[in-house]
Amino acid sequence: MDDDEQLDLDEVDFAPVEETVERLALLTLEEAHDLLSLLLAVAQEGGPISPEADRLAREIAARIPSEN
């Protein structure tokens, strides 16, 4: 996907919820920090999903210990 391309969620095949609930129940601390980094990068880009990425980043940051 190019940087300027928008992801159309209607075209993405997601796994059925009942098959992923157990697998996605918990993140490791490392995964949480990786996700936080990704969300912060998206939030800083200023695109249409930046406000939501920023909100989610703040929510996750408030719930996990810092890396330092």
Protein backbone atom coordinates (compact mmCIF):
# COMPACT_ATOMS: atom_id res chain seq x y z
CA MET A 1 0.00 0.00 0.00
CA ASP A 2 1.29 3.47 -0.88
CA ASP A 3 1.50 6.18 1.77
CA ASP A 4 -1.33 8.10 0.09
CA GLU A 5 -3.63 5.08 -0.24
CA GLN A 6 -6.48 4.73 2.22
CA LEU A 7 -7.27 1.33 3.74
CA ASP A 8 -10.82 0.29 2.90
CA LEU A 9 -11.93 -1.78 5.89
CA ASP A 10 -14.87 -3.15 3.88
CA GLU A 11 -12.36 -4.94 1.65
CA VAL A 12 -10.36 -6.51 4.51
CA ASP A 13 -11.17 -10.07 5.54
CA PHE A 14 -11.11 -10.22 9.33
CA ALA A 15 -11.04 -13.47 11.25
CA PRO A 16 -14.38 -14.28 12.90
CA VAL A 17 -14.54 -12.88 16.43
CA GLU A 18 -15.28 -16.22 18.04
CA GLU A 19 -12.00 -17.59 16.67
CA THR A 20 -9.86 -14.65 17.86
CA VAL A 21 -11.24 -13.75 21.28
CA GLU A 22 -8.91 -16.10 23.16
CA ARG A 23 -5.88 -15.24 21.07
CA LEU A 24 -6.40 -11.48 21.40
CA ALA A 25 -7.41 -11.40 25.05
CA LEU A 26 -3.98 -10.25 26.29
CA LEU A 27 -0.96 -8.50 24.83
CA THR A 28 2.53 -8.95 26.14
CA LEU A 29 4.12 -5.78 27.48
CA GLU A 30 6.42 -5.71 24.45
CA GLU A 31 3.43 -6.01 22.09
CA ALA A 32 1.65 -3.20 23.95
CA HIS A 33 4.68 -0.94 23.56
CA ASP A 34 4.94 -1.84 19.86
CA LEU A 35 1.26 -1.05 19.37
CA LEU A 36 1.67 2.23 21.26
CA SER A 37 4.60 3.20 19.01
CA LEU A 38 2.57 2.42 15.90
CA LEU A 39 -0.43 4.41 17.13
CA LEU A 40 1.77 7.39 17.98
CA ALA A 41 3.30 7.30 14.50
CA VAL A 42 -0.17 7.25 12.90
CA ALA A 43 -1.36 10.04 15.21
CA GLN A 44 1.58 12.25 14.22
CA GLU A 45 0.90 11.87 10.48
CA GLY A 46 -2.16 14.09 10.68
CA GLY A 47 -4.39 11.94 8.48
CA PRO A 48 -8.10 11.25 8.91
CA ILE A 49 -7.53 8.55 11.53
CA SER A 50 -4.98 10.54 13.52
CA PRO A 51 -7.43 11.66 16.22
CA GLU A 52 -8.55 8.08 16.87
CA ALA A 53 -4.95 6.82 16.88
CA ASP A 54 -4.07 9.56 19.37
CA ARG A 55 -7.01 8.64 21.61
CA LEU A 56 -6.10 4.96 21.57
CA ALA A 57 -2.42 5.74 22.20
CA ARG A 58 -3.36 7.78 25.28
CA GLU A 59 -5.61 4.97 26.54
CA ILE A 60 -2.89 2.35 26.14
CA ALA A 61 -0.16 4.58 27.59
CA ALA A 62 -2.28 5.10 30.71
CA ARG A 63 -2.58 1.34 31.24
CA ILE A 64 0.95 0.06 30.71
CA PRO A 65 4.21 0.79 32.52
CA SER A 66 6.73 2.91 30.64
CA GLU A 67 9.60 1.23 28.84
CA ASN A 68 12.22 3.06 30.93
